[in-house]
C-alpha atoms as a PDB file:
ATOM      1  CA  UNK A   1      -0.138   0.160   0.365  1.00  0.00           C
ATOM      2  CA  UNK A   2       1.078   3.595  -0.956  1.00  0.00           C
ATOM      3  CA  UNK A   3       2.070   6.027   1.893  1.00  0.00           C
ATOM      4  CA  UNK A   4       1.868   9.803   1.631  1.00  0.00           C
ATOM      5  CA  UNK A   5       3.617  12.076   4.104  1.00  0.00           C
ATOM      6  CA  UNK A   6       1.465  15.116   5.566  1.00  0.00           C
ATOM      7  CA  UNK A   7       2.951  17.694   7.768  1.00  0.00           C
ATOM      8  CA  UNK A   8       5.248  15.527   9.751  1.00  0.00           C
ATOM      9  CA  UNK A   9       3.129  11.626   9.691  1.00  0.00           C
ATOM     10  CA  UNK A  10       2.930   9.312   7.415  1.00  0.00           C
ATOM     11  CA  UNK A  11      -0.585   8.408   6.052  1.00  0.00           C
ATOM     12  CA  UNK A  12      -1.564   5.135   4.572  1.00  0.00           C
ATOM     13  CA  UNK A  13      -3.610   5.820   1.643  1.00  0.00           C
ATOM     14  CA  UNK A  14      -6.526   3.698   1.886  1.00  0.00           C
ATOM     15  CA  UNK A  15      -6.729   4.126   5.695  1.00  0.00           C
ATOM     16  CA  UNK A  16      -7.027   7.742   5.959  1.00  0.00           C
ATOM     17  CA  UNK A  17      -8.443   8.616   9.626  1.00  0.00           C
ATOM     18  CA  UNK A  18     -12.088  10.260  10.201  1.00  0.00           C
ATOM     19  CA  UNK A  19     -11.186  12.206  12.571  1.00  0.00           C
ATOM     20  CA  UNK A  20     -10.764  15.736  11.127  1.00  0.00           C
ATOM     21  CA  UNK A  21      -8.122  16.958  13.516  1.00  0.00           C
ATOM     22  CA  UNK A  22      -6.157  14.028  11.556  1.00  0.00           C
ATOM     23  CA  UNK A  23      -7.491  14.318   8.338  1.00  0.00           C
ATOM     24  CA  UNK A  24      -5.455  15.120   5.384  1.00  0.00           C
ATOM     25  CA  UNK A  25      -5.374  18.288   4.315  1.00  0.00           C
ATOM     26  CA  UNK A  26      -7.372  17.682   1.322  1.00  0.00           C
ATOM     27  CA  UNK A  27     -10.641  17.053   3.614  1.00  0.00           C
ATOM     28  CA  UNK A  28     -12.904  19.671   1.483  1.00  0.00           C
ATOM     29  CA  UNK A  29     -15.161  20.254   4.256  1.00  0.00           C
ATOM     30  CA  UNK A  30     -12.334  21.710   6.206  1.00  0.00           C
ATOM     31  CA  UNK A  31     -10.616  22.959   3.834  1.00  0.00           C
ATOM     32  CA  UNK A  32     -10.199  26.827   3.467  1.00  0.00           C
ATOM     33  CA  UNK A  33      -7.759  28.802   1.538  1.00  0.00           C
ATOM     34  CA  UNK A  34      -6.712  32.865   1.337  1.00  0.00           C
ATOM     35  CA  UNK A  35      -5.643  34.543  -1.754  1.00  0.00           C
ATOM     36  CA  UNK A  36      -3.042  37.080  -0.615  1.00  0.00           C
ATOM     37  CA  UNK A  37      -4.429  39.697  -3.551  1.00  0.00           C
ATOM     38  CA  UNK A  38      -7.639  40.792  -2.523  1.00  0.00           C
ATOM     39  CA  UNK A  39      -7.469  38.597   0.963  1.00  0.00           C
ATOM     40  CA  UNK A  40     -10.462  36.364  -0.235  1.00  0.00           C
ATOM     41  CA  UNK A  41     -11.185  33.507   1.640  1.00  0.00           C
ATOM     42  CA  UNK A  42     -12.546  30.499   0.343  1.00  0.00           C
ATOM     43  CA  UNK A  43     -14.014  27.986   3.000  1.00  0.00           C
ATOM     44  CA  UNK A  44     -15.416  24.580   3.271  1.00  0.00           C
ATOM     45  CA  UNK A  45     -18.854  24.067   5.072  1.00  0.00           C
ATOM     46  CA  UNK A  46     -17.337  22.647   7.985  1.00  0.00           C
ATOM     47  CA  UNK A  47     -15.154  25.742   8.670  1.00  0.00           C
ATOM     48  CA  UNK A  48     -18.135  28.111   8.350  1.00  0.00           C
ATOM     49  CA  UNK A  49     -20.067  26.345  11.068  1.00  0.00           C
ATOM     50  CA  UNK A  50     -17.025  26.185  13.500  1.00  0.00           C
ATOM     51  CA  UNK A  51     -17.075  30.178  12.680  1.00  0.00           C
ATOM     52  CA  UNK A  52     -21.006  29.962  13.024  1.00  0.00           C
ATOM     53  CA  UNK A  53     -21.555  31.334   9.761  1.00  0.00           C
ATOM     54  CA  UNK A  54     -24.501  29.586   7.170  1.00  0.00           C
ATOM     55  CA  UNK A  55     -22.705  27.574   5.101  1.00  0.00           C
ATOM     56  CA  UNK A  56     -23.938  29.785   2.373  1.00  0.00           C
ATOM     57  CA  UNK A  57     -22.459  32.860   3.809  1.00  0.00           C
ATOM     58  CA  UNK A  58     -19.028  33.957   1.870  1.00  0.00           C
ATOM     59  CA  UNK A  59     -16.919  35.688   5.326  1.00  0.00           C
ATOM     60  CA  UNK A  60     -14.358  38.541   4.570  1.00  0.00           C
ATOM     61  CA  UNK A  61     -11.067  38.177   6.270  1.00  0.00           C
ATOM     62  CA  UNK A  62     -11.406  41.408   8.330  1.00  0.00           C
ATOM     63  CA  UNK A  63     -14.578  40.209   9.659  1.00  0.00           C
ATOM     64  CA  UNK A  64     -13.451  36.278  10.566  1.00  0.00           C
ATOM     65  CA  UNK A  65     -10.082  37.781  12.406  1.00  0.00           C
ATOM     66  CA  UNK A  66     -12.065  40.100  15.210  1.00  0.00           C
ATOM     67  CA  UNK A  67     -13.638  36.568  16.291  1.00  0.00           C
ATOM     68  CA  UNK A  68     -10.222  35.376  17.192  1.00  0.00           C
ATOM     69  CA  UNK A  69      -9.428  36.024  21.089  1.00  0.00           C
ATOM     70  CA  UNK A  70      -6.437  38.794  20.911  1.00  0.00           C
ATOM     71  CA  UNK A  71      -3.915  36.361  22.123  1.00  0.00           C
ATOM     72  CA  UNK A  72      -4.697  33.851  19.407  1.00  0.00           C
ATOM     73  CA  UNK A  73      -5.003  36.883  16.339  1.00  0.00           C
ATOM     74  CA  UNK A  74      -1.439  38.311  17.764  1.00  0.00           C
ATOM     75  CA  UNK A  75      -0.104  34.832  17.702  1.00  0.00           C
ATOM     76  CA  UNK A  76      -1.734  33.996  14.112  1.00  0.00           C
ATOM     77  CA  UNK A  77      -0.622  37.515  12.112  1.00  0.00           C
ATOM     78  CA  UNK A  78       2.962  36.763  13.443  1.00  0.00           C
ATOM     79  CA  UNK A  79       3.329  33.030  11.875  1.00  0.00           C
ATOM     80  CA  UNK A  80       1.340  34.433   8.915  1.00  0.00           C
ATOM     81  CA  UNK A  81       3.273  36.978   8.282  1.00  0.00           C
ATOM     82  CA  UNK A  82       6.387  34.487   8.538  1.00  0.00           C
ATOM     83  CA  UNK A  83       4.365  31.965   6.358  1.00  0.00           C
ATOM     84  CA  UNK A  84       4.797  34.718   3.653  1.00  0.00           C
ATOM     85  CA  UNK A  85       8.154  35.911   3.686  1.00  0.00           C
ATOM     86  CA  UNK A  86       9.486  32.369   4.548  1.00  0.00           C
ATOM     87  CA  UNK A  87       7.217  30.334   2.294  1.00  0.00           C
ATOM     88  CA  UNK A  88       6.505  28.377   5.422  1.00  0.00           C
ATOM     89  CA  UNK A  89       3.540  26.313   6.964  1.00  0.00           C
ATOM     90  CA  UNK A  90       2.578  25.874  10.372  1.00  0.00           C
ATOM     91  CA  UNK A  91      -0.372  25.001  12.656  1.00  0.00           C
ATOM     92  CA  UNK A  92      -1.729  26.597  15.580  1.00  0.00           C
ATOM     93  CA  UNK A  93      -4.549  26.190  18.090  1.00  0.00           C
ATOM     94  CA  UNK A  94      -6.555  29.398  18.330  1.00  0.00           C
ATOM     95  CA  UNK A  95      -9.330  30.331  20.733  1.00  0.00           C
ATOM     96  CA  UNK A  96     -12.299  31.989  18.662  1.00  0.00           C
ATOM     97  CA  UNK A  97     -15.590  33.690  19.832  1.00  0.00           C
ATOM     98  CA  UNK A  98     -17.990  32.560  16.776  1.00  0.00           C
ATOM     99  CA  UNK A  99     -20.177  34.748  15.286  1.00  0.00           C
ATOM    100  CA  UNK A 100     -23.586  32.118  16.876  1.00  0.00           C
ATOM    101  CA  UNK A 101     -21.757  32.568  20.479  1.00  0.00           C
ATOM    102  CA  UNK A 102     -19.661  30.781  22.832  1.00  0.00           C
ATOM    103  CA  UNK A 103     -16.063  29.683  22.664  1.00  0.00           C
ATOM    104  CA  UNK A 104     -14.146  27.336  20.430  1.00  0.00           C
ATOM    105  CA  UNK A 105     -10.992  26.151  20.059  1.00  0.00           C
ATOM    106  CA  UNK A 106      -9.845  25.828  16.286  1.00  0.00           C
ATOM    107  CA  UNK A 107      -6.903  23.429  14.655  1.00  0.00           C
ATOM    108  CA  UNK A 108      -5.458  25.821  11.938  1.00  0.00           C
ATOM    109  CA  UNK A 109      -3.006  24.000   9.929  1.00  0.00           C
ATOM    110  CA  UNK A 110      -1.329  26.649   6.917  1.00  0.00           C
ATOM    111  CA  UNK A 111       0.962  26.577   4.115  1.00  0.00           C
ATOM    112  CA  UNK A 112       1.887  28.641   1.478  1.00  0.00           C
ATOM    113  CA  UNK A 113       1.171  28.291  -2.288  1.00  0.00           C
ATOM    114  CA  UNK A 114       3.626  29.819  -4.611  1.00  0.00           C
ATOM    115  CA  UNK A 115       3.501  30.877  -8.066  1.00  0.00           C
ATOM    116  CA  UNK A 116       7.810  31.175  -8.656  1.00  0.00           C
ATOM    117  CA  UNK A 117       8.970  32.113  -5.148  1.00  0.00           C
ATOM    118  CA  UNK A 118       6.457  34.726  -4.429  1.00  0.00           C
ATOM    119  CA  UNK A 119       3.325  33.354  -2.082  1.00  0.00           C
ATOM    120  CA  UNK A 120       0.174  34.080  -3.572  1.00  0.00           C
ATOM    121  CA  UNK A 121      -1.904  32.064  -1.485  1.00  0.00           C
ATOM    122  CA  UNK A 122      -2.309  30.396   1.836  1.00  0.00           C
ATOM    123  CA  UNK A 123      -4.457  27.392   2.094  1.00  0.00           C
ATOM    124  CA  UNK A 124      -4.619  24.558   4.937  1.00  0.00           C
ATOM    125  CA  UNK A 125      -7.238  23.197   7.073  1.00  0.00           C
ATOM    126  CA  UNK A 126      -9.096  23.969  10.237  1.00  0.00           C
ATOM    127  CA  UNK A 127     -10.851  21.618  12.869  1.00  0.00           C
ATOM    128  CA  UNK A 128     -12.431  21.720  16.332  1.00  0.00           C
ATOM    129  CA  UNK A 129     -10.405  20.955  18.738  1.00  0.00           C
ATOM    130  CA  UNK A 130     -12.264  22.715  21.937  1.00  0.00           C
ATOM    131  CA  UNK A 131     -12.492  18.791  23.519  1.00  0.00           C
ATOM    132  CA  UNK A 132      -8.399  19.106  23.919  1.00  0.00           C
ATOM    133  CA  UNK A 133      -9.017  22.295  25.997  1.00  0.00           C
ATOM    134  CA  UNK A 134     -11.946  21.986  27.875  1.00  0.00           C
ATOM    135  CA  UNK A 135     -14.143  24.894  29.649  1.00  0.00           C
ATOM    136  CA  UNK A 136     -11.721  26.007  32.096  1.00  0.00           C
ATOM    137  CA  UNK A 137      -8.497  25.849  30.020  1.00  0.00           C
ATOM    138  CA  UNK A 138      -6.605  29.092  30.346  1.00  0.00           C
ATOM    139  CA  UNK A 139      -5.593  31.124  26.933  1.00  0.00           C
ATOM    140  CA  UNK A 140      -2.098  29.789  25.452  1.00  0.00           C
ATOM    141  CA  UNK A 141       0.697  32.290  26.401  1.00  0.00           C
ATOM    142  CA  UNK A 142       1.489  34.323  23.968  1.00  0.00           C
ATOM    143  CA  UNK A 143       3.979  33.172  21.359  1.00  0.00           C
ATOM    144  CA  UNK A 144       7.542  34.186  21.504  1.00  0.00           C
ATOM    145  CA  UNK A 145       8.675  36.556  18.872  1.00  0.00           C
ATOM    146  CA  UNK A 146      10.034  34.649  15.434  1.00  0.00           C
ATOM    147  CA  UNK A 147      14.083  35.164  14.809  1.00  0.00           C
ATOM    148  CA  UNK A 148      14.913  36.681  12.076  1.00  0.00           C
ATOM    149  CA  UNK A 149      16.956  33.922  10.031  1.00  0.00           C
END
């Protein structure tokens, strides 16, 4: 049986897990992308549900980032800038306040899409990982500043 390497782990084809936290990146319901020119978002149905939007809603990035709790937004923006500048992916668990209320923890997996050496889009998947944090989980400490290598 063939294997596929996905962000640091080997997935045996034909036996992909059903858990969205461990599902391959091409799971369309959990998939998302953001065109850097214009900041246009394209989200799968499960991503829209995570943020409390109807499945027909097309969210705008400037509205979505306001749903991130401040420490999660700051960490995501730092890692996003690093990913674009250095053409590197990242994984981050973020705390959000969905538009339909409450609080959720979301695993954000991001990778750049390049044309030549330029990053033109970011894509990946998002999955609910609230069960890993519980209701009384403290906010994570802010990420340390990225080194300039």
